[in-house]
Amino acid sequence: MRVKPEPQVRLPFLPTRRKGGLDLDLYTDLITRLRDDATRISTQFRLPPFKLDADRAEARERYGLCHADGRILVRLVNVRTGRILKYSALIDTVVHELAHLRHMNHGPRWEALYRRMLEWSRKVGIYEPSWRPAVSSVPKREPASAQLALFPTRRTTRRNAAVT
């Protein structure tokens, strides 16, 4: 006599599987898209092989991390709100970490590579930063020299200023 297997029942009070602070399906979709775009960028700039994955959800001290062996971890969610970070912010972080595959520092060569990679990503439509207001709509500030004149310099102390 054959016994029918019990149907799988999903109980609403049991937690869903999560990765990187996201539901597993959402994580899979997002990390697949990030990996595809990162592969396009790394191929264009002939970078060494890498493995991209989500950082732990509670990682607060960084947005991304690049290990010397090519492992790249990227934080996918905002720590305070728990919402997914903007895709442009994620790509910016991925590009930052990809640049570390060639230069494991933040020196001038790393900076130049990072900027070239970001610009290329923008041209091909991978990186689309959000709109920012034009400079003319930002309130003007006094020049630094006018602001600094309000404070005594290191050479002038209160005691010397009072005497003169």
N, C-alpha and C. Protein backbone atom coordinates (compact mmCIF):
# COMPACT_ATOMS: atom_id res chain seq x y z
N MET A 1 0.83 -1.18 0.00
CA MET A 1 0.00 0.00 0.00
C MET A 1 0.88 1.25 0.00
N ARG A 2 0.60 2.13 -0.91
CA ARG A 2 1.37 3.38 -1.04
C ARG A 2 0.76 4.47 -0.19
N VAL A 3 1.64 5.24 0.42
CA VAL A 3 1.19 6.37 1.24
C VAL A 3 1.42 7.64 0.45
N LYS A 4 0.38 8.45 0.35
CA LYS A 4 0.52 9.73 -0.36
C LYS A 4 1.34 10.69 0.50
N PRO A 5 2.29 11.37 -0.12
CA PRO A 5 3.06 12.34 0.66
C PRO A 5 2.18 13.52 1.08
N GLU A 6 2.48 14.06 2.23
CA GLU A 6 1.74 15.22 2.73
C GLU A 6 2.06 16.43 1.85
N PRO A 7 1.05 17.23 1.50
CA PRO A 7 1.33 18.43 0.72
C PRO A 7 2.12 19.44 1.57
N GLN A 8 2.99 20.20 0.89
CA GLN A 8 3.76 21.24 1.57
C GLN A 8 2.83 22.40 1.92
N VAL A 9 2.77 22.71 3.18
CA VAL A 9 1.92 23.81 3.64
C VAL A 9 2.83 24.92 4.16
N ARG A 10 2.60 26.12 3.69
CA ARG A 10 3.37 27.26 4.16
C ARG A 10 2.56 27.97 5.23
N LEU A 11 3.10 27.97 6.40
CA LEU A 11 2.40 28.61 7.52
C LEU A 11 2.77 30.09 7.56
N PRO A 12 1.79 30.97 7.70
CA PRO A 12 2.06 32.41 7.63
C PRO A 12 2.95 32.93 8.76
N PHE A 13 3.02 32.23 9.88
CA PHE A 13 3.82 32.73 10.99
C PHE A 13 5.28 32.29 10.92
N LEU A 14 5.61 31.41 9.97
CA LEU A 14 7.01 31.00 9.82
C LEU A 14 7.75 32.01 8.95
N PRO A 15 8.98 32.34 9.31
CA PRO A 15 9.72 33.32 8.52
C PRO A 15 10.07 32.77 7.15
N THR A 16 10.10 33.66 6.16
CA THR A 16 10.52 33.26 4.82
C THR A 16 12.04 33.24 4.78
N ARG A 17 12.58 32.51 3.84
CA ARG A 17 14.03 32.47 3.70
C ARG A 17 14.53 33.80 3.20
N ARG A 18 15.64 34.25 3.77
CA ARG A 18 16.18 35.57 3.43
C ARG A 18 17.66 35.47 3.14
N LYS A 19 18.14 36.38 2.30
CA LYS A 19 19.56 36.48 2.00
C LYS A 19 19.87 37.94 1.78
N GLY A 20 20.92 38.44 2.42
CA GLY A 20 21.29 39.84 2.26
C GLY A 20 20.23 40.80 2.74
N GLY A 21 19.37 40.38 3.64
CA GLY A 21 18.31 41.24 4.15
C GLY A 21 17.07 41.26 3.29
N LEU A 22 17.02 40.42 2.24
CA LEU A 22 15.89 40.41 1.32
C LEU A 22 15.26 39.03 1.25
N ASP A 23 13.99 39.01 0.83
CA ASP A 23 13.33 37.75 0.53
C ASP A 23 14.16 37.04 -0.54
N LEU A 24 14.25 35.74 -0.49
CA LEU A 24 15.14 34.98 -1.36
C LEU A 24 14.88 35.22 -2.85
N ASP A 25 13.61 35.31 -3.25
CA ASP A 25 13.31 35.56 -4.67
C ASP A 25 13.79 36.94 -5.11
N LEU A 26 13.53 37.94 -4.30
CA LEU A 26 13.96 39.30 -4.61
C LEU A 26 15.48 39.39 -4.64
N TYR A 27 16.13 38.74 -3.66
CA TYR A 27 17.59 38.70 -3.64
C TYR A 27 18.14 38.10 -4.93
N THR A 28 17.57 36.97 -5.35
CA THR A 28 18.05 36.28 -6.55
C THR A 28 17.95 37.18 -7.78
N ASP A 29 16.81 37.85 -7.94
CA ASP A 29 16.63 38.74 -9.09
C ASP A 29 17.64 39.89 -9.07
N LEU A 30 17.80 40.52 -7.91
CA LEU A 30 18.68 41.68 -7.80
C LEU A 30 20.15 41.29 -7.97
N ILE A 31 20.59 40.24 -7.31
CA ILE A 31 22.00 39.87 -7.38
C ILE A 31 22.35 39.35 -8.78
N THR A 32 21.40 38.73 -9.46
CA THR A 32 21.64 38.28 -10.84
C THR A 32 21.85 39.48 -11.75
N ARG A 33 21.01 40.49 -11.60
CA ARG A 33 21.17 41.72 -12.41
C ARG A 33 22.50 42.40 -12.11
N LEU A 34 22.85 42.51 -10.82
CA LEU A 34 24.13 43.13 -10.45
C LEU A 34 25.30 42.34 -11.02
N ARG A 35 25.25 41.02 -10.93
CA ARG A 35 26.34 40.18 -11.46
C ARG A 35 26.48 40.35 -12.96
N ASP A 36 25.35 40.40 -13.67
CA ASP A 36 25.40 40.58 -15.13
C ASP A 36 26.04 41.91 -15.50
N ASP A 37 25.62 42.98 -14.82
CA ASP A 37 26.19 44.30 -15.11
C ASP A 37 27.66 44.36 -14.71
N ALA A 38 28.01 43.77 -13.58
CA ALA A 38 29.41 43.75 -13.14
C ALA A 38 30.28 42.98 -14.13
N THR A 39 29.75 41.91 -14.68
CA THR A 39 30.49 41.13 -15.68
C THR A 39 30.73 41.95 -16.94
N ARG A 40 29.72 42.69 -17.38
CA ARG A 40 29.90 43.57 -18.55
C ARG A 40 31.00 44.59 -18.30
N ILE A 41 30.98 45.20 -17.13
CA ILE A 41 31.98 46.22 -16.79
C ILE A 41 33.36 45.60 -16.70
N SER A 42 33.48 44.48 -16.00
CA SER A 42 34.80 43.87 -15.82
C SER A 42 35.36 43.36 -17.14
N THR A 43 34.50 42.89 -18.04
CA THR A 43 34.96 42.45 -19.35
C THR A 43 35.48 43.64 -20.15
N GLN A 44 34.76 44.74 -20.11
CA GLN A 44 35.18 45.95 -20.84
C GLN A 44 36.55 46.44 -20.37
N PHE A 45 36.82 46.33 -19.07
CA PHE A 45 38.06 46.86 -18.51
C PHE A 45 39.09 45.77 -18.21
N ARG A 46 38.81 44.56 -18.70
CA ARG A 46 39.74 43.42 -18.57
C ARG A 46 40.22 43.22 -17.13
N LEU A 47 39.26 43.14 -16.22
CA LEU A 47 39.58 42.93 -14.82
C LEU A 47 39.68 41.44 -14.52
N PRO A 48 40.39 41.08 -13.45
CA PRO A 48 40.49 39.66 -13.09
C PRO A 48 39.14 39.09 -12.65
N PRO A 49 39.04 37.77 -12.59
CA PRO A 49 37.77 37.14 -12.19
C PRO A 49 37.35 37.58 -10.78
N PHE A 50 36.05 37.57 -10.55
CA PHE A 50 35.52 37.98 -9.25
C PHE A 50 34.28 37.15 -8.95
N LYS A 51 33.87 37.20 -7.70
CA LYS A 51 32.61 36.57 -7.27
C LYS A 51 31.86 37.61 -6.47
N LEU A 52 30.69 38.00 -6.94
CA LEU A 52 29.88 39.05 -6.31
C LEU A 52 28.75 38.42 -5.52
N ASP A 53 28.57 38.88 -4.29
CA ASP A 53 27.47 38.40 -3.46
C ASP A 53 27.04 39.51 -2.51
N ALA A 54 25.94 39.28 -1.81
CA ALA A 54 25.41 40.26 -0.86
C ALA A 54 26.17 40.16 0.45
N ASP A 55 26.41 41.31 1.04
CA ASP A 55 26.99 41.36 2.38
C ASP A 55 25.88 41.03 3.37
N ARG A 56 26.24 40.74 4.59
CA ARG A 56 25.22 40.44 5.59
C ARG A 56 24.34 41.68 5.81
N ALA A 57 23.10 41.45 6.10
CA ALA A 57 22.11 42.53 6.18
C ALA A 57 22.44 43.54 7.27
N GLU A 58 23.07 43.11 8.35
CA GLU A 58 23.36 44.02 9.46
C GLU A 58 24.70 44.74 9.33
N ALA A 59 25.37 44.60 8.18
CA ALA A 59 26.64 45.30 7.96
C ALA A 59 26.38 46.80 7.94
N ARG A 60 26.92 47.53 8.90
CA ARG A 60 26.67 48.96 9.02
C ARG A 60 27.86 49.81 8.60
N GLU A 61 29.03 49.26 8.69
CA GLU A 61 30.23 50.07 8.55
C GLU A 61 30.69 50.27 7.11
N ARG A 62 30.02 49.64 6.14
CA ARG A 62 30.48 49.75 4.76
C ARG A 62 29.33 49.46 3.80
N TYR A 63 29.52 49.90 2.56
CA TYR A 63 28.58 49.57 1.50
C TYR A 63 29.08 48.40 0.68
N GLY A 64 30.39 48.24 0.61
CA GLY A 64 30.96 47.15 -0.15
C GLY A 64 32.32 46.77 0.38
N LEU A 65 32.78 45.60 -0.04
CA LEU A 65 34.06 45.08 0.42
C LEU A 65 34.64 44.22 -0.69
N CYS A 66 35.92 44.41 -0.99
CA CYS A 66 36.61 43.63 -2.01
C CYS A 66 37.77 42.90 -1.35
N HIS A 67 37.78 41.59 -1.44
CA HIS A 67 38.88 40.78 -0.91
C HIS A 67 39.93 40.58 -2.00
N ALA A 68 41.15 40.31 -1.59
CA ALA A 68 42.25 40.12 -2.53
C ALA A 68 42.01 38.93 -3.46
N ASP A 69 41.22 37.94 -3.01
CA ASP A 69 40.97 36.77 -3.85
C ASP A 69 39.84 36.98 -4.86
N GLY A 70 39.28 38.21 -4.93
CA GLY A 70 38.25 38.53 -5.92
C GLY A 70 36.83 38.44 -5.40
N ARG A 71 36.64 38.09 -4.14
CA ARG A 71 35.29 38.08 -3.57
C ARG A 71 34.86 39.51 -3.29
N ILE A 72 33.68 39.87 -3.78
CA ILE A 72 33.12 41.21 -3.57
C ILE A 72 31.79 41.06 -2.85
N LEU A 73 31.64 41.78 -1.75
CA LEU A 73 30.40 41.79 -1.00
C LEU A 73 29.80 43.19 -1.07
N VAL A 74 28.50 43.27 -1.34
CA VAL A 74 27.82 44.55 -1.47
C VAL A 74 26.59 44.53 -0.56
N ARG A 75 26.41 45.60 0.20
CA ARG A 75 25.22 45.71 1.04
C ARG A 75 24.05 46.11 0.15
N LEU A 76 22.95 45.38 0.24
CA LEU A 76 21.80 45.60 -0.64
C LEU A 76 20.72 46.46 -0.02
N VAL A 77 20.66 46.54 1.30
CA VAL A 77 19.57 47.24 1.97
C VAL A 77 20.09 48.37 2.84
N ASN A 78 19.24 49.37 3.01
CA ASN A 78 19.53 50.47 3.92
C ASN A 78 19.38 49.94 5.35
N VAL A 79 20.38 50.15 6.17
CA VAL A 79 20.38 49.60 7.52
C VAL A 79 19.25 50.17 8.36
N ARG A 80 18.97 51.46 8.23
CA ARG A 80 17.93 52.08 9.06
C ARG A 80 16.52 51.72 8.61
N THR A 81 16.27 51.73 7.29
CA THR A 81 14.91 51.53 6.81
C THR A 81 14.61 50.09 6.40
N GLY A 82 15.64 49.32 6.07
CA GLY A 82 15.43 47.95 5.59
C GLY A 82 15.01 47.88 4.14
N ARG A 83 14.96 49.03 3.45
CA ARG A 83 14.58 49.06 2.04
C ARG A 83 15.79 48.79 1.16
N ILE A 84 15.51 48.32 -0.05
CA ILE A 84 16.58 48.09 -1.02
C ILE A 84 17.20 49.44 -1.39
N LEU A 85 18.52 49.47 -1.48
CA LEU A 85 19.20 50.68 -1.92
C LEU A 85 18.89 50.92 -3.40
N LYS A 86 18.99 52.17 -3.84
CA LYS A 86 18.76 52.49 -5.24
C LYS A 86 19.75 51.71 -6.10
N TYR A 87 19.30 51.30 -7.27
CA TYR A 87 20.17 50.51 -8.14
C TYR A 87 21.41 51.31 -8.54
N SER A 88 21.27 52.61 -8.74
CA SER A 88 22.44 53.43 -9.09
C SER A 88 23.46 53.42 -7.95
N ALA A 89 23.01 53.43 -6.71
CA ALA A 89 23.93 53.37 -5.57
C ALA A 89 24.60 52.00 -5.51
N LEU A 90 23.86 50.95 -5.82
CA LEU A 90 24.45 49.61 -5.83
C LEU A 90 25.51 49.50 -6.92
N ILE A 91 25.21 50.01 -8.11
CA ILE A 91 26.19 49.96 -9.21
C ILE A 91 27.42 50.79 -8.88
N ASP A 92 27.22 51.95 -8.28
CA ASP A 92 28.35 52.78 -7.87
C ASP A 92 29.26 51.98 -6.92
N THR A 93 28.66 51.29 -5.98
CA THR A 93 29.43 50.48 -5.03
C THR A 93 30.13 49.33 -5.74
N VAL A 94 29.43 48.66 -6.64
CA VAL A 94 30.03 47.55 -7.39
C VAL A 94 31.22 48.03 -8.20
N VAL A 95 31.07 49.17 -8.89
CA VAL A 95 32.17 49.72 -9.68
C VAL A 95 33.35 50.07 -8.78
N HIS A 96 33.06 50.66 -7.63
CA HIS A 96 34.10 50.99 -6.65
C HIS A 96 34.89 49.73 -6.29
N GLU A 97 34.18 48.66 -5.97
CA GLU A 97 34.84 47.42 -5.57
C GLU A 97 35.54 46.74 -6.75
N LEU A 98 34.96 46.82 -7.94
CA LEU A 98 35.63 46.25 -9.11
C LEU A 98 36.96 46.94 -9.37
N ALA A 99 37.02 48.25 -9.16
CA ALA A 99 38.28 48.98 -9.35
C ALA A 99 39.36 48.46 -8.40
N HIS A 100 38.94 47.96 -7.24
CA HIS A 100 39.90 47.40 -6.28
C HIS A 100 40.48 46.08 -6.77
N LEU A 101 39.87 45.44 -7.74
CA LEU A 101 40.46 44.22 -8.29
C LEU A 101 41.80 44.51 -8.96
N ARG A 102 41.95 45.72 -9.49
CA ARG A 102 43.22 46.10 -10.11
C ARG A 102 44.11 46.89 -9.15
N HIS A 103 43.53 47.78 -8.37
CA HIS A 103 44.31 48.62 -7.44
C HIS A 103 43.67 48.49 -6.06
N MET A 104 44.36 47.84 -5.13
CA MET A 104 43.79 47.62 -3.78
C MET A 104 44.03 48.81 -2.85
N ASN A 105 43.86 50.00 -3.37
CA ASN A 105 44.00 51.22 -2.57
C ASN A 105 43.10 52.28 -3.17
N HIS A 106 43.17 53.49 -2.64
CA HIS A 106 42.40 54.60 -3.19
C HIS A 106 43.33 55.66 -3.76
N GLY A 107 44.42 55.21 -4.36
CA GLY A 107 45.40 56.13 -4.95
C GLY A 107 44.90 56.73 -6.27
N PRO A 108 45.75 57.54 -6.91
CA PRO A 108 45.34 58.22 -8.14
C PRO A 108 45.02 57.26 -9.29
N ARG A 109 45.74 56.14 -9.40
CA ARG A 109 45.44 55.19 -10.47
C ARG A 109 44.09 54.52 -10.23
N TRP A 110 43.80 54.19 -8.97
CA TRP A 110 42.49 53.62 -8.64
C TRP A 110 41.40 54.63 -8.96
N GLU A 111 41.61 55.87 -8.55
CA GLU A 111 40.62 56.93 -8.77
C GLU A 111 40.33 57.11 -10.26
N ALA A 112 41.39 57.12 -11.08
CA ALA A 112 41.22 57.29 -12.53
C ALA A 112 40.44 56.12 -13.13
N LEU A 113 40.79 54.91 -12.72
CA LEU A 113 40.08 53.72 -13.22
C LEU A 113 38.62 53.75 -12.79
N TYR A 114 38.37 54.05 -11.54
CA TYR A 114 37.00 54.12 -11.02
C TYR A 114 36.17 55.11 -11.82
N ARG A 115 36.71 56.28 -12.07
CA ARG A 115 35.97 57.30 -12.82
C ARG A 115 35.71 56.87 -14.27
N ARG A 116 36.72 56.24 -14.91
CA ARG A 116 36.52 55.75 -16.28
C ARG A 116 35.44 54.66 -16.33
N MET A 117 35.47 53.77 -15.36
CA MET A 117 34.49 52.69 -15.31
C MET A 117 33.08 53.24 -15.08
N LEU A 118 32.96 54.20 -14.19
CA LEU A 118 31.66 54.79 -13.90
C LEU A 118 31.12 55.55 -15.12
N GLU A 119 32.01 56.27 -15.80
CA GLU A 119 31.59 57.01 -16.99
C GLU A 119 31.15 56.06 -18.10
N TRP A 120 31.90 54.97 -18.31
CA TRP A 120 31.52 53.98 -19.32
C TRP A 120 30.17 53.37 -18.95
N SER A 121 29.99 53.05 -17.68
CA SER A 121 28.73 52.47 -17.21
C SER A 121 27.56 53.42 -17.45
N ARG A 122 27.82 54.70 -17.31
CA ARG A 122 26.78 55.70 -17.56
C ARG A 122 26.44 55.75 -19.06
N LYS A 123 27.49 55.69 -19.90
CA LYS A 123 27.26 55.77 -21.36
C LYS A 123 26.46 54.60 -21.88
N VAL A 124 26.69 53.41 -21.36
CA VAL A 124 25.98 52.22 -21.86
C VAL A 124 24.66 51.97 -21.12
N GLY A 125 24.32 52.83 -20.14
CA GLY A 125 23.03 52.73 -19.48
C GLY A 125 22.98 51.83 -18.26
N ILE A 126 24.12 51.39 -17.79
CA ILE A 126 24.14 50.56 -16.57
C ILE A 126 23.98 51.45 -15.34
N TYR A 127 24.71 52.56 -15.33
CA TYR A 127 24.70 53.48 -14.19
C TYR A 127 23.88 54.70 -14.55
N GLU A 128 22.77 54.89 -13.87
CA GLU A 128 21.90 56.04 -14.11
C GLU A 128 21.64 56.74 -12.78
N PRO A 129 22.56 57.65 -12.40
CA PRO A 129 22.39 58.33 -11.11
C PRO A 129 21.14 59.20 -11.10
N SER A 130 20.60 59.37 -9.90
CA SER A 130 19.37 60.16 -9.79
C SER A 130 19.66 61.62 -10.07
N TRP A 131 18.61 62.32 -10.44
CA TRP A 131 18.71 63.72 -10.78
C TRP A 131 19.06 64.53 -9.55
N ARG A 132 19.92 65.52 -9.73
CA ARG A 132 20.26 66.45 -8.66
C ARG A 132 19.95 67.86 -9.15
N PRO A 133 19.62 68.77 -8.24
CA PRO A 133 19.27 70.13 -8.69
C PRO A 133 20.46 70.82 -9.34
N ALA A 134 20.14 71.70 -10.28
CA ALA A 134 21.20 72.46 -10.94
C ALA A 134 21.89 73.36 -9.92
N VAL A 135 23.12 73.73 -10.22
CA VAL A 135 23.90 74.55 -9.30
C VAL A 135 23.20 75.87 -9.02
N SER A 136 22.53 76.42 -10.02
CA SER A 136 21.88 77.72 -9.84
C SER A 136 20.74 77.66 -8.83
N SER A 137 20.14 76.48 -8.63
CA SER A 137 19.03 76.40 -7.68
C SER A 137 19.49 76.14 -6.25
N VAL A 138 20.77 75.87 -6.07
CA VAL A 138 21.30 75.65 -4.73
C VAL A 138 21.63 77.01 -4.13
N PRO A 139 21.24 77.29 -2.89
CA PRO A 139 21.53 78.60 -2.31
C PRO A 139 23.03 78.87 -2.30
N LYS A 140 23.38 80.11 -2.63
CA LYS A 140 24.80 80.47 -2.66
C LYS A 140 25.32 80.67 -1.25
N ARG A 141 26.55 80.24 -1.05
CA ARG A 141 27.20 80.41 0.25
C ARG A 141 28.30 81.44 0.10
N GLU A 142 28.64 82.05 1.22
CA GLU A 142 29.75 82.99 1.19
C GLU A 142 31.02 82.23 0.86
N PRO A 143 31.97 82.87 0.17
CA PRO A 143 33.23 82.19 -0.09
C PRO A 143 33.92 81.84 1.22
N ALA A 144 34.74 80.82 1.17
CA ALA A 144 35.42 80.34 2.37
C ALA A 144 36.25 81.44 3.02
N SER A 145 36.87 82.30 2.21
CA SER A 145 37.71 83.35 2.78
C SER A 145 36.89 84.30 3.65
N ALA A 146 35.65 84.60 3.24
CA ALA A 146 34.80 85.48 4.04
C ALA A 146 34.36 84.78 5.32
N GLN A 147 34.12 83.51 5.23
CA GLN A 147 33.73 82.76 6.43
C GLN A 147 34.89 82.65 7.40
N LEU A 148 36.09 82.42 6.87
CA LEU A 148 37.25 82.25 7.73
C LEU A 148 37.65 83.56 8.43
N ALA A 149 37.31 84.70 7.84
CA ALA A 149 37.65 85.97 8.45
C ALA A 149 36.92 86.17 9.78
N LEU A 150 35.88 85.43 10.02
CA LEU A 150 35.13 85.54 11.26
C LEU A 150 35.87 84.93 12.45
N PHE A 151 36.82 84.06 12.17
CA PHE A 151 37.53 83.35 13.23
C PHE A 151 38.98 83.82 13.30
N PRO A 152 39.53 83.92 14.53
CA PRO A 152 40.94 84.30 14.64
C PRO A 152 41.83 83.19 14.07
N THR A 153 42.94 83.59 13.48
CA THR A 153 43.88 82.61 12.94
C THR A 153 44.69 82.01 14.08
N ARG A 154 45.47 81.00 13.78
CA ARG A 154 46.27 80.35 14.82
C ARG A 154 47.33 81.29 15.39
N ARG A 155 47.81 82.18 14.57
CA ARG A 155 48.84 83.11 15.04
C ARG A 155 48.26 84.13 16.01
N THR A 156 47.01 84.46 15.80
CA THR A 156 46.37 85.46 16.66
C THR A 156 45.58 84.75 17.74
N THR A 157 45.88 85.06 18.97
CA THR A 157 45.12 84.50 20.08
C THR A 157 44.21 85.59 20.62
N ARG A 158 43.31 85.22 21.46
CA ARG A 158 42.44 86.23 22.06
C ARG A 158 43.24 87.23 22.88
N ARG A 159 44.23 86.72 23.57
CA ARG A 159 45.07 87.60 24.41
C ARG A 159 45.78 88.64 23.54
N ASN A 160 46.42 88.16 22.44
CA ASN A 160 47.13 89.09 21.55
C ASN A 160 46.17 90.04 20.85
N ALA A 161 44.99 89.55 20.50
CA ALA A 161 44.03 90.40 19.80
C ALA A 161 43.53 91.50 20.71
N ALA A 162 43.38 91.22 21.98
CA ALA A 162 42.90 92.22 22.92
C ALA A 162 43.96 93.29 23.18
N VAL A 163 45.23 92.92 23.14
CA VAL A 163 46.30 93.85 23.39
C VAL A 163 46.48 94.82 22.24
N THR A 164 46.33 94.33 21.03
CA THR A 164 46.57 95.21 19.86
C THR A 164 45.45 96.06 19.48
